Amino acid sequence: MTSCLRKFIYRFTPSFTLALGFAALTLLHHANLELYHQALQWTDHSALYTPFVDMQAILQAEACWQQGVNVYTPNACMGGGFFNYSPVLLRLAHWPIGPTNTDAVAIVTDLFCIASLAILPATKTAQGFWLRLAVIASPATLYALERANLDATIFTLCLLAGWFLGRSLILRILGYGLILLAALAKFYPAFALLSVVRERRALFFGLATGCTGLLLLGLLVFKGQTAAALAIIPQGWPFGTLFGSVNIPYGIRLLRAPGNFFGGMHLFRYNFTGFDILVFALLRLIALLVFITSLPLYRGNLPPLRNHAMTLFVIGAAILVGCFFTAQSANYREIFFILTVPGLLLIARSGEAARRRVMLLIAGVIFTVWQPFLHGVLFAALGLFANANALGFPQFVFWLCREVLFWWVMIQFAAIITASSLAELQLLPVRR
């Protein structure tokens, strides 16, 4: 195989594979609706029979808002639902698109997301190619595309931003502008602005001040609707596919007070007891200790943050870590793991000191994005030998292992981000 052909295959095969998966789901939906629904159960247990439901909900909310409906409370216009995204998105109501255009808008945004994967940093080894493909063609990614969730569009914006950040000053400013636009649309991408630490001192302070000011201005202009959106961010069943640091303490609370808590994503407040708060505090203390002990492993063993792969890593990891420690997120947000893989592979090649830890970290990432599928296979097999009532304890063990693994991965991501930022800040005075 020639070098050019290998490069072509390594760069475009992941996008092509994901496009085939997306096309297969589309054909299956038209050919056999029941089989389509069963297939989606392997990506998320709350899967629906209708595709692109998240995009449809956004477009419906925009249409209702244009009619004067308060979309931040349950309303008939949205079928009893409500809108919990940024009010900036509602301004799209002035565009000539609406709920009737759902399929067209969803397909275009999904295909744009798939195509954008070709601008990921080139991988030069077969191992790197297969690891990248495993994360890209995962249930988490397909789930984001099947629902046409806004996270897929935000992922595309962040990927493009990371590409711009390796270019000229004008393009770098445009890159930070894309991240800022994503943050104004759905709040959480603001964590990705941490990537500004890669800039020289004067530019770093200027961009940090400007982005912060624009974010605050957006919050002030739409403060009423922003507060309403933040107040109704869904919180849900911790034993499902949602991820977040609150899952373990809330799961323990449910196990201590058994009852009818099933129902997937629904709105409620946790109202932790003193014991629950103690468990949460203990978990965070352990996380801090693991973070402190992990930090020396990465300091001095990381490529410069100016590297394209490391820039993407910081963008993706900062979003995941920020979301994990502040709220619960549906598993389609795990699409941001794709941005972390090129950086992790680069770190693994940069020195032996952190190689073993980083390879374990990559394995943890792959398990995480494939977890719904692996869970389904495992318990379908166990179901052949035991009834459903006997699988309660194995289900709990699987859930607890998953949660502990997620904590460990997020702590390691935080340690790498911190080590990269500290190294970059030390270089700032001498950079040209």
Protein backbone atom coordinates (compact mmCIF):
# COMPACT_ATOMS: atom_id res chain seq x y z
CA MET A 1 0.00 0.00 0.00
CA THR A 2 1.43 3.37 -1.01
CA SER A 3 1.92 6.14 1.51
CA CYS A 4 -0.64 8.40 -0.20
CA LEU A 5 -3.29 5.68 -0.27
CA ARG A 6 -2.67 4.89 3.41
CA LYS A 7 -3.06 8.56 4.33
CA PHE A 8 -6.27 8.76 2.32
CA ILE A 9 -7.72 5.68 4.03
CA TYR A 10 -6.69 6.82 7.51
CA ARG A 11 -8.21 10.28 7.00
CA PHE A 12 -11.51 9.50 5.28
CA THR A 13 -12.47 5.97 6.38
CA PRO A 14 -13.87 7.06 9.80
CA SER A 15 -16.20 9.58 8.12
CA PHE A 16 -17.19 7.02 5.50
CA THR A 17 -17.87 4.35 8.14
CA LEU A 18 -20.00 6.73 10.19
CA ALA A 19 -21.88 7.79 7.06
CA LEU A 20 -22.64 4.13 6.32
CA GLY A 21 -23.96 3.64 9.86
CA PHE A 22 -26.12 6.75 9.52
CA ALA A 23 -27.43 5.57 6.15
CA ALA A 24 -28.16 2.09 7.55
CA LEU A 25 -30.26 3.59 10.35
CA THR A 26 -32.14 5.75 7.85
CA LEU A 27 -32.93 2.78 5.60
CA LEU A 28 -33.91 0.65 8.57
CA HIS A 29 -36.34 3.33 9.74
CA HIS A 30 -38.11 3.26 6.39
CA ALA A 31 -37.99 -0.54 6.00
CA ASN A 32 -38.90 -1.80 9.47
CA LEU A 33 -39.85 0.65 12.21
CA GLU A 34 -39.95 -1.94 14.98
CA LEU A 35 -36.52 -3.32 14.09
CA TYR A 36 -35.23 0.27 13.91
CA HIS A 37 -36.44 0.89 17.45
CA GLN A 38 -34.88 -2.34 18.70
CA ALA A 39 -31.55 -1.40 17.11
CA LEU A 40 -31.58 1.95 18.91
CA GLN A 41 -31.98 0.16 22.24
CA TRP A 42 -28.29 -0.71 21.88
CA THR A 43 -27.38 2.99 21.95
CA ASP A 44 -29.84 4.30 24.55
CA HIS A 45 -32.68 2.76 26.52
CA SER A 46 -34.92 5.81 26.00
CA ALA A 47 -34.75 5.52 22.21
CA LEU A 48 -37.86 6.56 20.28
CA TYR A 49 -39.45 5.44 17.04
CA THR A 50 -39.03 8.87 15.44
CA PRO A 51 -35.61 10.14 14.28
CA PHE A 52 -34.30 13.69 14.66
CA VAL A 53 -36.52 14.37 17.70
CA ASP A 54 -34.09 16.82 19.31
CA MET A 55 -33.83 18.98 16.20
CA GLN A 56 -37.61 18.88 15.84
CA ALA A 57 -38.04 20.02 19.45
CA ILE A 58 -35.75 23.02 18.89
CA LEU A 59 -37.50 24.06 15.68
CA GLN A 60 -40.91 23.60 17.32
CA ALA A 61 -39.86 25.74 20.29
CA GLU A 62 -38.69 28.49 17.95
CA ALA A 63 -42.03 28.43 16.11
CA CYS A 64 -43.97 28.51 19.41
CA TRP A 65 -41.85 31.36 20.76
CA GLN A 66 -42.51 33.36 17.60
CA GLN A 67 -46.22 32.95 18.34
CA GLY A 68 -45.73 34.47 21.79
CA VAL A 69 -45.72 31.22 23.81
CA ASN A 70 -43.59 31.06 26.96
CA VAL A 71 -41.57 28.01 25.94
CA TYR A 72 -39.72 27.80 29.28
CA THR A 73 -42.82 26.34 30.94
CA PRO A 74 -44.79 23.25 29.85
CA ASN A 75 -47.10 24.33 27.05
CA ALA A 76 -49.60 22.83 24.60
CA CYS A 77 -47.72 24.23 21.61
CA MET A 78 -44.81 21.91 22.44
CA GLY A 79 -47.01 18.95 23.30
CA GLY A 80 -46.69 19.59 27.03
CA GLY A 81 -42.93 19.92 26.87
CA PHE A 82 -40.67 22.93 27.36
CA PHE A 83 -37.47 24.49 26.02
CA ASN A 84 -34.33 24.31 28.18
CA TYR A 85 -31.70 25.67 25.80
CA SER A 86 -30.23 29.14 25.52
CA PRO A 87 -32.59 31.95 24.45
CA VAL A 88 -30.10 32.75 21.68
CA LEU A 89 -31.39 29.71 19.79
CA LEU A 90 -34.89 31.15 19.82
CA ARG A 91 -33.67 33.98 17.61
CA LEU A 92 -33.44 31.42 14.81
CA ALA A 93 -37.21 31.77 14.63
CA HIS A 94 -36.57 34.71 12.30
CA TRP A 95 -34.93 32.33 9.81
CA PRO A 96 -37.13 30.74 7.13
CA ILE A 97 -37.03 27.30 8.75
CA GLY A 98 -39.51 25.56 11.01
CA PRO A 99 -40.70 22.17 12.27
CA THR A 100 -41.71 21.14 8.74
CA ASN A 101 -38.06 21.42 7.72
CA THR A 102 -36.82 19.08 10.48
CA ASP A 103 -35.62 16.24 8.23
CA ALA A 104 -33.76 18.54 5.82
CA VAL A 105 -32.06 20.56 8.60
CA ALA A 106 -31.17 17.42 10.55
CA ILE A 107 -29.67 15.60 7.57
CA VAL A 108 -27.61 18.63 6.53
CA THR A 109 -26.23 19.23 10.03
CA ASP A 110 -25.52 15.53 10.55
CA LEU A 111 -23.70 15.19 7.22
CA PHE A 112 -21.72 18.33 7.99
CA CYS A 113 -20.72 16.77 11.32
CA ILE A 114 -19.67 13.52 9.62
CA ALA A 115 -17.67 15.35 6.93
CA SER A 116 -15.90 17.55 9.48
CA LEU A 117 -14.20 14.48 10.97
CA ALA A 118 -11.83 14.50 7.98
CA ILE A 119 -10.05 17.56 9.41
CA LEU A 120 -8.98 15.72 12.56
CA PRO A 121 -5.17 15.55 12.85
CA ALA A 122 -3.80 12.84 10.57
CA THR A 123 -2.94 9.52 12.18
CA LYS A 124 0.16 7.73 10.90
CA THR A 125 -0.21 4.27 12.44
CA ALA A 126 -2.68 1.43 12.07
CA GLN A 127 -3.12 1.36 15.85
CA GLY A 128 -4.06 5.03 15.92
CA PHE A 129 -6.47 4.53 13.03
CA TRP A 130 -8.35 1.66 14.68
CA LEU A 131 -8.54 3.42 18.03
CA ARG A 132 -9.90 6.55 16.39
CA LEU A 133 -12.40 4.53 14.37
CA ALA A 134 -13.58 2.74 17.52
CA VAL A 135 -14.48 6.04 19.17
CA ILE A 136 -15.96 7.70 16.08
CA ALA A 137 -18.19 4.78 14.99
CA SER A 138 -19.56 4.27 18.50
CA PRO A 139 -23.15 4.06 19.80
CA ALA A 140 -22.71 7.47 21.45
CA THR A 141 -21.92 9.13 18.10
CA LEU A 142 -24.71 7.36 16.23
CA TYR A 143 -27.15 8.31 18.97
CA ALA A 144 -26.23 12.00 18.65
CA LEU A 145 -26.73 11.84 14.89
CA GLU A 146 -29.95 9.80 15.08
CA ARG A 147 -31.53 12.41 17.32
CA ALA A 148 -29.88 15.28 15.39
CA ASN A 149 -29.00 16.60 18.81
CA LEU A 150 -27.57 20.10 19.06
CA ASP A 151 -24.44 18.58 20.62
CA ALA A 152 -23.51 17.18 17.19
CA THR A 153 -23.61 20.69 15.71
CA ILE A 154 -21.68 22.12 18.65
CA PHE A 155 -19.11 19.34 18.24
CA THR A 156 -18.66 20.40 14.61
CA LEU A 157 -18.19 24.04 15.63
CA CYS A 158 -15.58 23.05 18.23
CA LEU A 159 -13.75 20.81 15.76
CA LEU A 160 -13.62 23.65 13.24
CA ALA A 161 -12.53 26.04 15.99
CA GLY A 162 -9.66 23.71 16.90
CA TRP A 163 -8.56 23.67 13.26
CA PHE A 164 -8.67 27.48 13.09
CA LEU A 165 -6.61 27.81 16.28
CA GLY A 166 -3.57 26.42 14.49
CA ARG A 167 -3.69 29.12 11.81
CA SER A 168 -3.19 32.88 11.54
CA LEU A 169 -4.27 35.38 14.17
CA ILE A 170 -7.43 36.30 12.25
CA LEU A 171 -8.43 32.64 11.93
CA ARG A 172 -7.62 31.98 15.61
CA ILE A 173 -9.92 34.83 16.62
CA LEU A 174 -12.56 33.29 14.35
CA GLY A 175 -11.98 29.96 16.11
CA TYR A 176 -12.59 31.47 19.54
CA GLY A 177 -15.64 33.18 18.04
CA LEU A 178 -17.04 29.78 17.01
CA ILE A 179 -16.57 28.48 20.56
CA LEU A 180 -18.23 31.62 21.92
CA LEU A 181 -21.14 31.15 19.51
CA ALA A 182 -21.53 27.55 20.70
CA ALA A 183 -21.43 28.73 24.34
CA LEU A 184 -24.15 31.30 23.69
CA ALA A 185 -26.25 28.55 22.08
CA LYS A 186 -25.96 25.90 24.81
CA PHE A 187 -23.90 27.25 27.74
CA TYR A 188 -21.54 24.30 28.37
CA PRO A 189 -19.11 24.97 25.44
CA ALA A 190 -17.86 27.92 27.50
CA PHE A 191 -15.53 25.38 29.16
CA ALA A 192 -13.71 25.05 25.81
CA LEU A 193 -12.59 28.68 26.04
CA LEU A 194 -9.88 27.37 28.38
CA SER A 195 -7.95 26.73 25.14
CA VAL A 196 -7.15 30.46 25.04
CA VAL A 197 -4.26 29.70 27.42
CA ARG A 198 -2.26 28.64 24.35
CA GLU A 199 -1.89 32.29 23.27
CA ARG A 200 0.85 34.79 24.11
CA ARG A 201 0.42 36.79 27.28
CA ALA A 202 -1.10 39.99 25.84
CA LEU A 203 -3.36 38.12 23.45
CA PHE A 204 -4.31 35.65 26.16
CA PHE A 205 -5.54 38.39 28.50
CA GLY A 206 -7.21 40.28 25.67
CA LEU A 207 -9.10 37.26 24.34
CA ALA A 208 -9.98 36.00 27.82
CA THR A 209 -11.35 39.41 28.78
CA GLY A 210 -13.23 39.83 25.49
CA CYS A 211 -14.82 36.36 25.54
CA THR A 212 -15.79 36.70 29.19
CA GLY A 213 -17.29 40.11 28.54
CA LEU A 214 -19.32 38.90 25.58
CA LEU A 215 -20.59 35.91 27.56
CA LEU A 216 -21.64 38.15 30.43
CA LEU A 217 -23.26 40.57 27.99
CA GLY A 218 -25.28 37.71 26.51
CA LEU A 219 -26.36 36.61 29.98
CA LEU A 220 -27.41 40.16 30.86
CA VAL A 221 -29.31 40.78 27.62
CA PHE A 222 -31.25 37.54 28.01
CA LYS A 223 -30.98 37.21 31.78
CA GLY A 224 -34.64 36.34 32.37
CA GLN A 225 -34.78 33.58 29.78
CA THR A 226 -31.29 32.38 30.65
CA ALA A 227 -32.25 32.00 34.31
CA ALA A 228 -35.42 30.16 33.25
CA ALA A 229 -33.40 27.78 31.05
CA LEU A 230 -30.84 27.04 33.77
CA ALA A 231 -33.59 26.43 36.32
CA ILE A 232 -35.16 23.64 34.25
CA ILE A 233 -32.05 21.73 33.13
CA PRO A 234 -33.25 18.11 33.36
CA GLN A 235 -31.93 15.79 36.03
CA GLY A 236 -32.59 12.11 35.64
CA TRP A 237 -32.27 8.47 36.48
CA PRO A 238 -28.64 7.80 37.55
CA PHE A 239 -28.71 4.11 36.59
CA GLY A 240 -29.33 4.83 32.90
CA THR A 241 -26.99 6.32 30.31
CA LEU A 242 -26.70 9.78 31.87
CA PHE A 243 -23.21 10.64 33.11
CA GLY A 244 -22.28 13.05 35.87
CA SER A 245 -20.53 13.18 39.23
CA VAL A 246 -23.93 13.22 40.96
CA ASN A 247 -24.79 9.70 39.74
CA ILE A 248 -23.10 7.77 42.55
CA PRO A 249 -24.45 9.77 45.52
CA TYR A 250 -27.89 9.96 43.97
CA GLY A 251 -27.82 6.28 43.08
CA ILE A 252 -26.92 5.43 46.68
CA ARG A 253 -29.81 7.57 47.86
CA LEU A 254 -32.24 5.68 45.66
CA LEU A 255 -30.91 2.34 46.85
CA ARG A 256 -31.35 3.45 50.45
CA ALA A 257 -34.96 4.54 49.81
CA PRO A 258 -36.41 2.03 47.33
CA GLY A 259 -39.50 3.05 45.44
CA ASN A 260 -40.87 3.74 41.99
CA PHE A 261 -38.08 5.97 40.70
CA PHE A 262 -38.06 4.76 37.11
CA GLY A 263 -39.01 7.06 34.28
CA GLY A 264 -35.81 8.12 32.51
CA MET A 265 -35.21 11.83 32.01
CA HIS A 266 -37.55 13.88 34.15
CA LEU A 267 -37.36 17.11 36.09
CA PHE A 268 -36.76 17.05 39.83
CA ARG A 269 -34.42 18.41 42.46
CA TYR A 270 -32.13 16.13 44.41
CA ASN A 271 -32.67 17.46 47.94
CA PHE A 272 -29.83 15.40 49.36
CA THR A 273 -29.77 14.33 52.98
CA GLY A 274 -26.74 14.96 55.19
CA PHE A 275 -25.51 11.42 54.46
CA ASP A 276 -25.78 12.01 50.70
CA ILE A 277 -23.82 15.24 50.98
CA LEU A 278 -21.15 13.41 53.00
CA VAL A 279 -20.84 10.75 50.30
CA PHE A 280 -20.54 13.44 47.61
CA ALA A 281 -17.92 15.33 49.62
CA LEU A 282 -15.93 12.14 50.19
CA LEU A 283 -16.00 11.33 46.48
CA ARG A 284 -14.70 14.79 45.60
CA LEU A 285 -11.97 14.54 48.23
CA ILE A 286 -10.83 11.21 46.78
CA ALA A 287 -10.97 12.76 43.30
CA LEU A 288 -8.78 15.64 44.48
CA LEU A 289 -6.22 13.24 45.94
CA VAL A 290 -6.12 11.18 42.73
CA PHE A 291 -5.77 14.41 40.73
CA ILE A 292 -2.85 15.62 42.87
CA THR A 293 -1.05 12.29 42.60
CA SER A 294 -1.66 12.07 38.84
CA LEU A 295 -0.45 15.57 38.01
CA PRO A 296 3.32 14.84 38.38
CA LEU A 297 2.99 11.96 35.92
CA TYR A 298 2.00 14.35 33.13
CA ARG A 299 4.07 17.42 33.95
CA GLY A 300 7.06 17.51 31.64
CA ASN A 301 5.71 14.63 29.53
CA LEU A 302 3.22 16.49 27.35
CA PRO A 303 3.51 17.94 23.83
CA PRO A 304 3.05 21.72 23.61
CA LEU A 305 -0.51 22.98 23.74
CA ARG A 306 0.05 24.79 20.42
CA ASN A 307 -0.02 21.38 18.73
CA HIS A 308 -3.29 20.81 16.84
CA ALA A 309 -4.00 17.47 18.55
CA MET A 310 -3.39 18.94 22.01
CA THR A 311 -5.60 21.95 21.27
CA LEU A 312 -8.44 19.63 20.31
CA PHE A 313 -7.81 17.55 23.42
CA VAL A 314 -8.16 20.57 25.69
CA ILE A 315 -11.37 21.65 23.94
CA GLY A 316 -12.99 18.22 24.18
CA ALA A 317 -11.68 17.30 27.63
CA ALA A 318 -12.57 20.67 29.16
CA ILE A 319 -16.17 20.29 27.94
CA LEU A 320 -16.46 16.74 29.28
CA VAL A 321 -14.85 17.51 32.64
CA GLY A 322 -16.88 20.69 33.08
CA CYS A 323 -20.15 18.92 32.27
CA PHE A 324 -19.31 15.93 34.46
CA PHE A 325 -18.71 17.97 37.59
CA THR A 326 -21.55 20.47 37.14
CA ALA A 327 -24.58 18.51 35.90
CA GLN A 328 -25.82 15.31 34.32
CA SER A 329 -25.44 14.82 30.56
CA ALA A 330 -26.99 12.36 28.12
CA ASN A 331 -24.59 9.95 26.46
CA TYR A 332 -24.74 11.75 23.10
CA ARG A 333 -22.43 14.35 24.69
CA GLU A 334 -19.77 11.65 24.73
CA ILE A 335 -19.24 12.59 21.08
CA PHE A 336 -16.66 15.05 22.46
CA PHE A 337 -14.42 12.10 23.34
CA ILE A 338 -13.57 12.08 19.62
CA LEU A 339 -11.67 15.35 20.07
CA THR A 340 -9.53 13.85 22.84
CA VAL A 341 -8.21 10.77 21.02
CA PRO A 342 -5.62 12.44 18.73
CA GLY A 343 -4.11 14.22 21.73
CA LEU A 344 -4.06 11.07 23.84
CA LEU A 345 -2.28 9.14 21.08
CA LEU A 346 0.24 11.96 20.74
CA ILE A 347 0.91 11.94 24.50
CA ALA A 348 1.38 8.16 24.41
CA ARG A 349 4.05 8.56 21.71
CA SER A 350 5.84 11.46 23.39
CA GLY A 351 7.45 9.47 26.21
CA GLU A 352 7.40 6.24 28.19
CA ALA A 353 6.64 7.90 31.53
CA ALA A 354 2.95 8.42 30.82
CA ARG A 355 2.47 5.87 28.01
CA ARG A 356 0.96 3.06 30.11
CA ARG A 357 -1.42 5.42 31.91
CA VAL A 358 -2.54 7.05 28.66
CA MET A 359 -3.16 3.71 26.94
CA LEU A 360 -5.35 2.70 29.89
CA LEU A 361 -7.08 6.05 29.54
CA ILE A 362 -7.78 5.41 25.84
CA ALA A 363 -9.17 1.97 26.72
CA GLY A 364 -11.41 3.67 29.30
CA VAL A 365 -12.65 6.13 26.68
CA ILE A 366 -13.51 3.32 24.25
CA PHE A 367 -15.35 1.37 26.95
CA THR A 368 -17.29 4.49 27.92
CA VAL A 369 -18.57 5.32 24.43
CA TRP A 370 -19.44 1.66 23.76
CA GLN A 371 -20.90 1.05 27.23
CA PRO A 372 -24.61 0.88 26.20
CA PHE A 373 -23.81 -1.76 23.59
CA LEU A 374 -21.52 -3.76 25.91
CA HIS A 375 -24.15 -3.57 28.66
CA GLY A 376 -26.79 -4.90 26.27
CA VAL A 377 -24.62 -7.79 25.07
CA LEU A 378 -23.53 -8.76 28.59
CA PHE A 379 -26.97 -8.84 30.14
CA ALA A 380 -28.60 -10.40 27.11
CA ALA A 381 -26.13 -13.25 27.56
CA LEU A 382 -26.69 -13.43 31.32
CA GLY A 383 -30.43 -13.43 30.70
CA LEU A 384 -30.08 -16.80 28.98
CA PHE A 385 -29.02 -18.36 32.28
CA ALA A 386 -30.92 -16.33 34.91
CA ASN A 387 -34.23 -14.53 35.24
CA ALA A 388 -34.48 -10.75 35.44
CA ASN A 389 -34.79 -10.69 39.24
CA ALA A 390 -31.44 -12.46 39.63
CA LEU A 391 -29.63 -9.82 37.55
CA GLY A 392 -30.15 -6.96 40.00
CA PHE A 393 -26.79 -7.30 41.74
CA PRO A 394 -24.77 -7.78 38.50
CA GLN A 395 -26.53 -4.69 37.13
CA PHE A 396 -25.48 -2.72 40.20
CA VAL A 397 -21.86 -3.93 39.92
CA PHE A 398 -21.72 -2.97 36.23
CA TRP A 399 -23.18 0.46 37.00
CA LEU A 400 -20.76 1.11 39.86
CA CYS A 401 -17.74 0.06 37.77
CA ARG A 402 -18.92 2.34 34.97
CA GLU A 403 -19.30 5.29 37.33
CA VAL A 404 -15.89 4.75 38.96
CA LEU A 405 -14.29 4.49 35.51
CA PHE A 406 -15.94 7.75 34.44
CA TRP A 407 -14.63 9.48 37.58
CA TRP A 408 -11.11 8.19 36.87
CA VAL A 409 -11.18 9.25 33.21
CA MET A 410 -12.42 12.74 34.10
CA ILE A 411 -9.75 13.14 36.80
CA GLN A 412 -7.02 12.12 34.35
CA PHE A 413 -8.39 14.56 31.77
CA ALA A 414 -8.35 17.32 34.38
CA ALA A 415 -4.74 16.47 35.29
CA ILE A 416 -3.62 16.60 31.64
CA ILE A 417 -5.43 19.90 31.05
CA THR A 418 -3.85 21.39 34.17
CA ALA A 419 -0.37 20.13 33.32
CA SER A 420 -0.67 21.44 29.74
CA SER A 421 -1.89 24.83 30.93
CA LEU A 422 0.87 25.18 33.52
CA ALA A 423 3.50 24.26 30.96
CA GLU A 424 2.08 26.75 28.48
CA LEU A 425 1.97 29.54 31.03
CA GLN A 426 5.62 28.94 31.87
CA LEU A 427 6.48 29.31 28.16
CA LEU A 428 4.50 32.49 27.64
CA PRO A 429 7.21 35.02 28.55
CA VAL A 430 9.70 33.54 26.04
CA ARG A 431 7.41 32.76 23.12
CA ARG A 432 7.75 34.72 19.93
